[in-house]
């Protein structure tokens, strides 16, 4: 947690990573206590998905799961990238030649590396439950419409997802030890180590974070929410994705450049 003192109150920023392994022995007591003492909390919103969005996904599924116009991975990747992909195909008995690079990356991270299996509550879950128990008002940043997200994804060129695929291959090649290392570094407040972890890098290199338009909008939504909190009376506790806070030129850098005194772990 980082603490920022303003002219009117205090903002507590909690840097969240998703899919914290159950093997990571972090104790949320301090987070629950801080939530109970806050005048308001800010936690993430879920995208607004309508029944119509589900039908759009069904009828346009090929544009999300396959490379366009019967092209194959070899039409886009260089020799070194193809060699790495072929090695992973052989290891996991999979054929990724026609799959979209984003779907291939998600398959590598979620099914082969299995990064989100056997996980505990995220910081958002802890804070939401504690706020509800203590009757602390909960605020959520603006939600994206499912239609907008699907349109953005459908319009993305295959080449735009190659950095995501490369990062996912690197994380998968590194093996499952990086999952526990990421959780342990987060628990130990070693923020630079978390940000340098191949899994965290891969998650940040993939859609929607790596999409210029969506990524900027996500970061802008959080920056606006924290700026509003800094003008509010009393204490605000906000659970924010760690990469939004600690990345280069992220929210913490922005706040420091604006002259705010920030108490908490080093983030770079």
C-alpha atoms as a PDB file:
ATOM      1  CA  UNK A   1       0.000   0.000   0.000  1.00  0.00           C
ATOM      2  CA  UNK A   2       1.083   3.545  -0.736  1.00  0.00           C
ATOM      3  CA  UNK A   3      -0.169   6.492   1.297  1.00  0.00           C
ATOM      4  CA  UNK A   4      -0.597   9.969  -0.159  1.00  0.00           C
ATOM      5  CA  UNK A   5      -1.436  12.921   2.071  1.00  0.00           C
ATOM      6  CA  UNK A   6      -3.388  15.723   0.419  1.00  0.00           C
ATOM      7  CA  UNK A   7      -4.679  19.080   1.600  1.00  0.00           C
ATOM      8  CA  UNK A   8      -8.053  17.550   2.410  1.00  0.00           C
ATOM      9  CA  UNK A   9      -7.281  14.003   3.467  1.00  0.00           C
ATOM     10  CA  UNK A  10      -5.477  10.784   2.623  1.00  0.00           C
ATOM     11  CA  UNK A  11      -5.444   8.435  -0.342  1.00  0.00           C
ATOM     12  CA  UNK A  12      -4.314   4.847   0.211  1.00  0.00           C
ATOM     13  CA  UNK A  13      -3.385   3.025  -2.996  1.00  0.00           C
ATOM     14  CA  UNK A  14      -3.293  -0.770  -2.984  1.00  0.00           C
ATOM     15  CA  UNK A  15      -1.301  -2.270  -5.857  1.00  0.00           C
ATOM     16  CA  UNK A  16      -3.207  -5.386  -6.919  1.00  0.00           C
ATOM     17  CA  UNK A  17      -2.042  -8.376  -8.902  1.00  0.00           C
ATOM     18  CA  UNK A  18      -4.632 -10.829 -10.161  1.00  0.00           C
ATOM     19  CA  UNK A  19      -4.547 -14.592  -9.502  1.00  0.00           C
ATOM     20  CA  UNK A  20      -2.581 -14.585  -6.237  1.00  0.00           C
ATOM     21  CA  UNK A  21      -1.500 -18.204  -5.577  1.00  0.00           C
ATOM     22  CA  UNK A  22      -2.889 -19.824  -2.458  1.00  0.00           C
ATOM     23  CA  UNK A  23       0.729 -20.745  -1.681  1.00  0.00           C
ATOM     24  CA  UNK A  24       1.466 -17.029  -1.184  1.00  0.00           C
ATOM     25  CA  UNK A  25       1.052 -16.536   2.586  1.00  0.00           C
ATOM     26  CA  UNK A  26      -0.134 -12.950   2.623  1.00  0.00           C
ATOM     27  CA  UNK A  27      -2.284 -11.731   5.477  1.00  0.00           C
ATOM     28  CA  UNK A  28      -5.086  -9.329   4.509  1.00  0.00           C
ATOM     29  CA  UNK A  29      -5.719  -8.124   8.067  1.00  0.00           C
ATOM     30  CA  UNK A  30      -4.039  -4.761   7.517  1.00  0.00           C
ATOM     31  CA  UNK A  31      -6.017  -4.270   4.317  1.00  0.00           C
ATOM     32  CA  UNK A  32      -9.297  -5.090   6.060  1.00  0.00           C
ATOM     33  CA  UNK A  33      -8.426  -2.691   8.893  1.00  0.00           C
ATOM     34  CA  UNK A  34      -7.584   0.128   6.463  1.00  0.00           C
ATOM     35  CA  UNK A  35     -10.858  -0.482   4.619  1.00  0.00           C
ATOM     36  CA  UNK A  36     -12.880  -0.174   7.826  1.00  0.00           C
ATOM     37  CA  UNK A  37     -11.233   3.167   8.618  1.00  0.00           C
ATOM     38  CA  UNK A  38     -11.822   4.685   5.163  1.00  0.00           C
ATOM     39  CA  UNK A  39     -14.639   7.054   4.218  1.00  0.00           C
ATOM     40  CA  UNK A  40     -14.889   5.409   0.789  1.00  0.00           C
ATOM     41  CA  UNK A  41     -13.225   2.707  -1.280  1.00  0.00           C
ATOM     42  CA  UNK A  42     -12.643   2.477  -5.028  1.00  0.00           C
ATOM     43  CA  UNK A  43     -12.446  -0.931  -6.682  1.00  0.00           C
ATOM     44  CA  UNK A  44     -12.456  -2.097 -10.282  1.00  0.00           C
ATOM     45  CA  UNK A  45     -15.587  -2.482 -12.382  1.00  0.00           C
ATOM     46  CA  UNK A  46     -16.421  -5.462 -14.540  1.00  0.00           C
ATOM     47  CA  UNK A  47     -17.110  -4.906 -18.258  1.00  0.00           C
ATOM     48  CA  UNK A  48     -20.805  -4.518 -19.032  1.00  0.00           C
ATOM     49  CA  UNK A  49     -21.678  -7.591 -21.087  1.00  0.00           C
ATOM     50  CA  UNK A  50     -25.185  -7.820 -22.543  1.00  0.00           C
ATOM     51  CA  UNK A  51     -26.984 -10.813 -24.106  1.00  0.00           C
ATOM     52  CA  UNK A  52     -26.473  -9.098 -27.458  1.00  0.00           C
ATOM     53  CA  UNK A  53     -22.721  -9.090 -26.869  1.00  0.00           C
ATOM     54  CA  UNK A  54     -22.795 -12.841 -26.309  1.00  0.00           C
ATOM     55  CA  UNK A  55     -24.560 -13.368 -29.642  1.00  0.00           C
ATOM     56  CA  UNK A  56     -22.056 -11.081 -31.356  1.00  0.00           C
ATOM     57  CA  UNK A  57     -19.229 -13.182 -29.950  1.00  0.00           C
ATOM     58  CA  UNK A  58     -20.866 -16.400 -31.158  1.00  0.00           C
ATOM     59  CA  UNK A  59     -21.467 -15.144 -34.706  1.00  0.00           C
ATOM     60  CA  UNK A  60     -18.088 -13.443 -34.991  1.00  0.00           C
ATOM     61  CA  UNK A  61     -16.104 -16.016 -33.047  1.00  0.00           C
ATOM     62  CA  UNK A  62     -13.822 -16.844 -35.952  1.00  0.00           C
ATOM     63  CA  UNK A  63     -12.451 -13.309 -35.971  1.00  0.00           C
ATOM     64  CA  UNK A  64     -11.333 -13.748 -32.379  1.00  0.00           C
ATOM     65  CA  UNK A  65     -10.035 -17.312 -32.473  1.00  0.00           C
ATOM     66  CA  UNK A  66      -8.506 -17.734 -35.944  1.00  0.00           C
ATOM     67  CA  UNK A  67      -6.047 -15.866 -38.121  1.00  0.00           C
ATOM     68  CA  UNK A  68      -7.846 -14.082 -40.986  1.00  0.00           C
ATOM     69  CA  UNK A  69      -8.344 -15.290 -44.566  1.00  0.00           C
ATOM     70  CA  UNK A  70      -6.921 -18.772 -43.995  1.00  0.00           C
ATOM     71  CA  UNK A  71      -3.505 -17.353 -43.178  1.00  0.00           C
ATOM     72  CA  UNK A  72      -1.189 -19.253 -40.842  1.00  0.00           C
ATOM     73  CA  UNK A  73       1.353 -18.284 -38.204  1.00  0.00           C
ATOM     74  CA  UNK A  74       4.211 -18.622 -40.681  1.00  0.00           C
ATOM     75  CA  UNK A  75       2.752 -15.726 -42.673  1.00  0.00           C
ATOM     76  CA  UNK A  76       3.425 -13.349 -39.784  1.00  0.00           C
ATOM     77  CA  UNK A  77       6.208 -14.725 -37.574  1.00  0.00           C
ATOM     78  CA  UNK A  78       9.932 -14.743 -38.219  1.00  0.00           C
ATOM     79  CA  UNK A  79      12.034 -17.910 -38.123  1.00  0.00           C
ATOM     80  CA  UNK A  80      13.023 -17.580 -34.460  1.00  0.00           C
ATOM     81  CA  UNK A  81       9.437 -16.990 -33.348  1.00  0.00           C
ATOM     82  CA  UNK A  82       8.208 -19.964 -35.397  1.00  0.00           C
ATOM     83  CA  UNK A  83      10.892 -22.203 -33.898  1.00  0.00           C
ATOM     84  CA  UNK A  84       9.805 -21.300 -30.363  1.00  0.00           C
ATOM     85  CA  UNK A  85       6.147 -21.831 -31.201  1.00  0.00           C
ATOM     86  CA  UNK A  86       6.897 -25.200 -32.809  1.00  0.00           C
ATOM     87  CA  UNK A  87       8.750 -26.329 -29.688  1.00  0.00           C
ATOM     88  CA  UNK A  88       5.732 -25.465 -27.541  1.00  0.00           C
ATOM     89  CA  UNK A  89       3.391 -27.207 -29.970  1.00  0.00           C
ATOM     90  CA  UNK A  90       5.505 -30.359 -29.694  1.00  0.00           C
ATOM     91  CA  UNK A  91       5.683 -30.136 -25.897  1.00  0.00           C
ATOM     92  CA  UNK A  92       1.931 -29.723 -25.419  1.00  0.00           C
ATOM     93  CA  UNK A  93       0.724 -31.638 -28.509  1.00  0.00           C
ATOM     94  CA  UNK A  94      -1.097 -28.577 -29.844  1.00  0.00           C
ATOM     95  CA  UNK A  95      -1.457 -27.038 -33.278  1.00  0.00           C
ATOM     96  CA  UNK A  96      -1.258 -23.248 -33.062  1.00  0.00           C
ATOM     97  CA  UNK A  97      -0.743 -22.633 -36.787  1.00  0.00           C
ATOM     98  CA  UNK A  98      -4.232 -21.197 -37.456  1.00  0.00           C
ATOM     99  CA  UNK A  99      -5.072 -19.812 -34.039  1.00  0.00           C
ATOM    100  CA  UNK A 100      -5.086 -16.079 -33.435  1.00  0.00           C
ATOM    101  CA  UNK A 101      -1.962 -15.006 -31.604  1.00  0.00           C
ATOM    102  CA  UNK A 102      -4.008 -13.617 -28.719  1.00  0.00           C
ATOM    103  CA  UNK A 103      -5.895 -16.889 -28.229  1.00  0.00           C
ATOM    104  CA  UNK A 104      -2.634 -18.836 -28.484  1.00  0.00           C
ATOM    105  CA  UNK A 105      -1.095 -16.585 -25.837  1.00  0.00           C
ATOM    106  CA  UNK A 106      -4.087 -17.040 -23.533  1.00  0.00           C
ATOM    107  CA  UNK A 107      -3.924 -20.810 -24.028  1.00  0.00           C
ATOM    108  CA  UNK A 108      -0.238 -20.845 -23.127  1.00  0.00           C
ATOM    109  CA  UNK A 109      -0.721 -18.734 -19.998  1.00  0.00           C
ATOM    110  CA  UNK A 110      -4.001 -20.151 -18.702  1.00  0.00           C
ATOM    111  CA  UNK A 111      -3.787 -23.806 -19.736  1.00  0.00           C
ATOM    112  CA  UNK A 112      -0.123 -24.670 -20.191  1.00  0.00           C
ATOM    113  CA  UNK A 113       1.469 -22.417 -17.581  1.00  0.00           C
ATOM    114  CA  UNK A 114      -1.787 -22.648 -15.593  1.00  0.00           C
ATOM    115  CA  UNK A 115      -1.131 -19.337 -13.863  1.00  0.00           C
ATOM    116  CA  UNK A 116      -4.692 -18.791 -12.602  1.00  0.00           C
ATOM    117  CA  UNK A 117      -5.257 -22.218 -11.049  1.00  0.00           C
ATOM    118  CA  UNK A 118      -5.445 -22.710  -7.286  1.00  0.00           C
ATOM    119  CA  UNK A 119      -5.602 -19.010  -6.435  1.00  0.00           C
ATOM    120  CA  UNK A 120      -6.983 -17.158  -3.437  1.00  0.00           C
ATOM    121  CA  UNK A 121      -8.929 -13.939  -3.007  1.00  0.00           C
ATOM    122  CA  UNK A 122      -7.614 -10.867  -4.785  1.00  0.00           C
ATOM    123  CA  UNK A 123      -7.204  -7.578  -2.929  1.00  0.00           C
ATOM    124  CA  UNK A 124     -10.412  -6.348  -4.577  1.00  0.00           C
ATOM    125  CA  UNK A 125     -12.342  -9.272  -3.091  1.00  0.00           C
ATOM    126  CA  UNK A 126     -10.944  -8.568   0.391  1.00  0.00           C
ATOM    127  CA  UNK A 127     -11.728  -4.856   0.234  1.00  0.00           C
ATOM    128  CA  UNK A 128     -15.227  -5.317  -1.200  1.00  0.00           C
ATOM    129  CA  UNK A 129     -16.215  -7.745   1.550  1.00  0.00           C
ATOM    130  CA  UNK A 130     -14.643  -5.603   4.283  1.00  0.00           C
ATOM    131  CA  UNK A 131     -16.361  -2.455   2.969  1.00  0.00           C
ATOM    132  CA  UNK A 132     -19.728  -4.185   2.834  1.00  0.00           C
ATOM    133  CA  UNK A 133     -19.290  -5.451   6.397  1.00  0.00           C
ATOM    134  CA  UNK A 134     -18.311  -1.963   7.644  1.00  0.00           C
ATOM    135  CA  UNK A 135     -20.901  -0.073   5.535  1.00  0.00           C
ATOM    136  CA  UNK A 136     -18.158   1.865   3.753  1.00  0.00           C
ATOM    137  CA  UNK A 137     -19.384   3.333   0.436  1.00  0.00           C
ATOM    138  CA  UNK A 138     -17.968   1.588  -2.639  1.00  0.00           C
ATOM    139  CA  UNK A 139     -17.177   3.523  -5.803  1.00  0.00           C
ATOM    140  CA  UNK A 140     -16.259   1.942  -9.130  1.00  0.00           C
ATOM    141  CA  UNK A 141     -14.659   3.586 -12.169  1.00  0.00           C
ATOM    142  CA  UNK A 142     -16.647   3.741 -15.385  1.00  0.00           C
ATOM    143  CA  UNK A 143     -17.285   0.385 -17.045  1.00  0.00           C
ATOM    144  CA  UNK A 144     -16.492  -0.499 -20.649  1.00  0.00           C
ATOM    145  CA  UNK A 145     -19.398  -1.725 -22.739  1.00  0.00           C
ATOM    146  CA  UNK A 146     -18.992  -5.281 -23.964  1.00  0.00           C
ATOM    147  CA  UNK A 147     -19.877  -4.123 -27.480  1.00  0.00           C
ATOM    148  CA  UNK A 148     -16.979  -1.659 -27.517  1.00  0.00           C
ATOM    149  CA  UNK A 149     -14.538  -4.274 -26.242  1.00  0.00           C
ATOM    150  CA  UNK A 150     -15.604  -6.835 -28.845  1.00  0.00           C
ATOM    151  CA  UNK A 151     -15.405  -4.277 -31.659  1.00  0.00           C
ATOM    152  CA  UNK A 152     -11.941  -3.220 -30.568  1.00  0.00           C
ATOM    153  CA  UNK A 153     -10.734  -6.815 -30.445  1.00  0.00           C
ATOM    154  CA  UNK A 154     -12.292  -7.734 -33.792  1.00  0.00           C
ATOM    155  CA  UNK A 155     -10.608  -4.791 -35.521  1.00  0.00           C
ATOM    156  CA  UNK A 156      -7.099  -5.534 -34.221  1.00  0.00           C
ATOM    157  CA  UNK A 157      -4.585  -6.700 -36.812  1.00  0.00           C
ATOM    158  CA  UNK A 158      -2.840 -10.053 -36.148  1.00  0.00           C
ATOM    159  CA  UNK A 159       0.541  -8.313 -36.016  1.00  0.00           C
ATOM    160  CA  UNK A 160      -0.593  -6.260 -33.027  1.00  0.00           C
ATOM    161  CA  UNK A 161      -0.778  -9.434 -30.897  1.00  0.00           C
ATOM    162  CA  UNK A 162       2.711 -10.746 -31.717  1.00  0.00           C
ATOM    163  CA  UNK A 163       4.359  -9.019 -28.695  1.00  0.00           C
ATOM    164  CA  UNK A 164       1.709 -10.692 -26.505  1.00  0.00           C
ATOM    165  CA  UNK A 165       2.497 -14.090 -28.041  1.00  0.00           C
ATOM    166  CA  UNK A 166       6.240 -13.603 -27.551  1.00  0.00           C
ATOM    167  CA  UNK A 167       5.779 -12.611 -23.915  1.00  0.00           C
ATOM    168  CA  UNK A 168       3.451 -15.573 -23.310  1.00  0.00           C
ATOM    169  CA  UNK A 169       5.989 -17.944 -24.860  1.00  0.00           C
ATOM    170  CA  UNK A 170       8.715 -16.516 -22.627  1.00  0.00           C
ATOM    171  CA  UNK A 171       6.578 -16.967 -19.508  1.00  0.00           C
ATOM    172  CA  UNK A 172       5.566 -20.503 -20.468  1.00  0.00           C
ATOM    173  CA  UNK A 173       9.158 -21.460 -21.254  1.00  0.00           C
ATOM    174  CA  UNK A 174      10.226 -20.136 -17.851  1.00  0.00           C
ATOM    175  CA  UNK A 175       7.893 -22.588 -16.119  1.00  0.00           C
ATOM    176  CA  UNK A 176       5.577 -22.514 -13.138  1.00  0.00           C
ATOM    177  CA  UNK A 177       8.220 -21.301 -10.685  1.00  0.00           C
ATOM    178  CA  UNK A 178       7.571 -17.748 -11.899  1.00  0.00           C
ATOM    179  CA  UNK A 179       3.986 -17.936 -10.591  1.00  0.00           C
ATOM    180  CA  UNK A 180       5.021 -18.435  -6.981  1.00  0.00           C
ATOM    181  CA  UNK A 181       7.930 -16.001  -7.368  1.00  0.00           C
ATOM    182  CA  UNK A 182       5.535 -13.284  -8.540  1.00  0.00           C
ATOM    183  CA  UNK A 183       3.264 -13.843  -5.532  1.00  0.00           C
ATOM    184  CA  UNK A 184       6.163 -13.924  -3.086  1.00  0.00           C
ATOM    185  CA  UNK A 185       7.706 -10.730  -4.479  1.00  0.00           C
ATOM    186  CA  UNK A 186       4.324  -8.998  -4.227  1.00  0.00           C
ATOM    187  CA  UNK A 187       3.975 -10.126  -0.601  1.00  0.00           C
ATOM    188  CA  UNK A 188       7.512  -8.902   0.166  1.00  0.00           C
ATOM    189  CA  UNK A 189       6.704  -5.495  -1.404  1.00  0.00           C
ATOM    190  CA  UNK A 190       9.444  -5.975  -4.029  1.00  0.00           C
ATOM    191  CA  UNK A 191       7.531  -4.101  -6.697  1.00  0.00           C
ATOM    192  CA  UNK A 192      10.365  -3.929  -9.294  1.00  0.00           C
ATOM    193  CA  UNK A 193      10.723  -7.716  -9.085  1.00  0.00           C
ATOM    194  CA  UNK A 194       6.989  -8.199  -9.659  1.00  0.00           C
ATOM    195  CA  UNK A 195       7.045  -5.876 -12.652  1.00  0.00           C
ATOM    196  CA  UNK A 196      10.062  -7.739 -14.093  1.00  0.00           C
ATOM    197  CA  UNK A 197       8.455 -11.167 -13.662  1.00  0.00           C
ATOM    198  CA  UNK A 198       7.831 -12.842 -17.060  1.00  0.00           C
ATOM    199  CA  UNK A 199       4.211 -13.579 -16.111  1.00  0.00           C
ATOM    200  CA  UNK A 200       3.450  -9.977 -15.159  1.00  0.00           C
ATOM    201  CA  UNK A 201       5.174  -8.794 -18.329  1.00  0.00           C
ATOM    202  CA  UNK A 202       3.086 -11.189 -20.420  1.00  0.00           C
ATOM    203  CA  UNK A 203      -0.199 -10.091 -18.827  1.00  0.00           C
ATOM    204  CA  UNK A 204       0.734  -6.466 -19.472  1.00  0.00           C
ATOM    205  CA  UNK A 205       1.738  -7.149 -23.079  1.00  0.00           C
ATOM    206  CA  UNK A 206      -1.608  -8.681 -23.988  1.00  0.00           C
ATOM    207  CA  UNK A 207      -4.987  -7.193 -24.841  1.00  0.00           C
ATOM    208  CA  UNK A 208      -6.540  -5.068 -23.491  1.00  0.00           C
ATOM    209  CA  UNK A 209      -3.540  -3.548 -21.697  1.00  0.00           C
ATOM    210  CA  UNK A 210      -1.309  -3.502 -24.766  1.00  0.00           C
ATOM    211  CA  UNK A 211      -3.948  -1.991 -27.019  1.00  0.00           C
ATOM    212  CA  UNK A 212      -3.072   1.675 -27.380  1.00  0.00           C
ATOM    213  CA  UNK A 213      -6.638   2.954 -27.274  1.00  0.00           C
ATOM    214  CA  UNK A 214      -7.976   0.672 -24.547  1.00  0.00           C
ATOM    215  CA  UNK A 215      -4.780   0.768 -22.506  1.00  0.00           C
ATOM    216  CA  UNK A 216      -4.797   4.553 -22.451  1.00  0.00           C
ATOM    217  CA  UNK A 217      -8.480   4.604 -21.533  1.00  0.00           C
ATOM    218  CA  UNK A 218      -7.971   2.147 -18.667  1.00  0.00           C
ATOM    219  CA  UNK A 219      -5.067   4.151 -17.302  1.00  0.00           C
ATOM    220  CA  UNK A 220      -6.962   7.408 -17.777  1.00  0.00           C
ATOM    221  CA  UNK A 221      -9.980   6.093 -15.888  1.00  0.00           C
ATOM    222  CA  UNK A 222      -7.804   5.155 -12.921  1.00  0.00           C
ATOM    223  CA  UNK A 223      -5.862   8.424 -13.013  1.00  0.00           C
ATOM    224  CA  UNK A 224      -9.120  10.400 -12.969  1.00  0.00           C
ATOM    225  CA  UNK A 225     -10.497   8.315 -10.101  1.00  0.00           C
ATOM    226  CA  UNK A 226      -7.364   8.865  -8.005  1.00  0.00           C
ATOM    227  CA  UNK A 227      -7.261  12.576  -8.845  1.00  0.00           C
ATOM    228  CA  UNK A 228     -10.867  12.914  -7.673  1.00  0.00           C
ATOM    229  CA  UNK A 229      -9.995  10.997  -4.508  1.00  0.00           C
ATOM    230  CA  UNK A 230      -7.107  13.394  -3.844  1.00  0.00           C
ATOM    231  CA  UNK A 231      -9.608  16.268  -3.808  1.00  0.00           C
ATOM    232  CA  UNK A 232     -12.014  14.482  -1.454  1.00  0.00           C
ATOM    233  CA  UNK A 233     -12.239  14.898   2.291  1.00  0.00           C
ATOM    234  CA  UNK A 234     -11.193  12.065   4.576  1.00  0.00           C
ATOM    235  CA  UNK A 235      -9.535   8.804   3.616  1.00  0.00           C
ATOM    236  CA  UNK A 236     -10.037   7.021   0.310  1.00  0.00           C
ATOM    237  CA  UNK A 237      -8.738   3.506  -0.229  1.00  0.00           C
ATOM    238  CA  UNK A 238      -8.344   2.501  -3.883  1.00  0.00           C
ATOM    239  CA  UNK A 239      -7.415  -0.954  -5.169  1.00  0.00           C
ATOM    240  CA  UNK A 240      -5.611  -0.358  -8.460  1.00  0.00           C
ATOM    241  CA  UNK A 241      -3.840  -2.775 -10.837  1.00  0.00           C
ATOM    242  CA  UNK A 242      -0.181  -2.727  -9.847  1.00  0.00           C
ATOM    243  CA  UNK A 243       0.978  -2.188 -13.416  1.00  0.00           C
ATOM    244  CA  UNK A 244      -1.134   0.986 -13.647  1.00  0.00           C
ATOM    245  CA  UNK A 245       0.548   2.322 -10.524  1.00  0.00           C
ATOM    246  CA  UNK A 246       4.142   1.143 -10.905  1.00  0.00           C
ATOM    247  CA  UNK A 247       4.860   1.058 -14.633  1.00  0.00           C
ATOM    248  CA  UNK A 248       7.155   3.699 -16.105  1.00  0.00           C
ATOM    249  CA  UNK A 249       5.247   6.994 -16.318  1.00  0.00           C
ATOM    250  CA  UNK A 250       2.420   5.306 -14.441  1.00  0.00           C
ATOM    251  CA  UNK A 251       0.166   6.794 -11.784  1.00  0.00           C
ATOM    252  CA  UNK A 252       2.803   6.831  -9.036  1.00  0.00           C
ATOM    253  CA  UNK A 253       5.321   8.593 -11.288  1.00  0.00           C
ATOM    254  CA  UNK A 254       2.615  11.062 -12.290  1.00  0.00           C
ATOM    255  CA  UNK A 255       1.670  11.792  -8.688  1.00  0.00           C
ATOM    256  CA  UNK A 256       5.307  12.227  -7.680  1.00  0.00           C
ATOM    257  CA  UNK A 257       5.894  14.623 -10.587  1.00  0.00           C
ATOM    258  CA  UNK A 258       2.926  16.653  -9.381  1.00  0.00           C
ATOM    259  CA  UNK A 259       4.623  17.115  -6.026  1.00  0.00           C
ATOM    260  CA  UNK A 260       2.700  14.624  -3.895  1.00  0.00           C
ATOM    261  CA  UNK A 261       4.607  12.976  -1.068  1.00  0.00           C
ATOM    262  CA  UNK A 262       4.176   9.224  -1.440  1.00  0.00           C
ATOM    263  CA  UNK A 263       4.806   6.856   1.458  1.00  0.00           C
ATOM    264  CA  UNK A 264       5.282   3.158   0.790  1.00  0.00           C
ATOM    265  CA  UNK A 265       7.542   0.687  -1.027  1.00  0.00           C
ATOM    266  CA  UNK A 266       9.895   1.665  -3.817  1.00  0.00           C
ATOM    267  CA  UNK A 267       8.293   1.023  -7.189  1.00  0.00           C
ATOM    268  CA  UNK A 268      11.293   1.416  -9.483  1.00  0.00           C
END
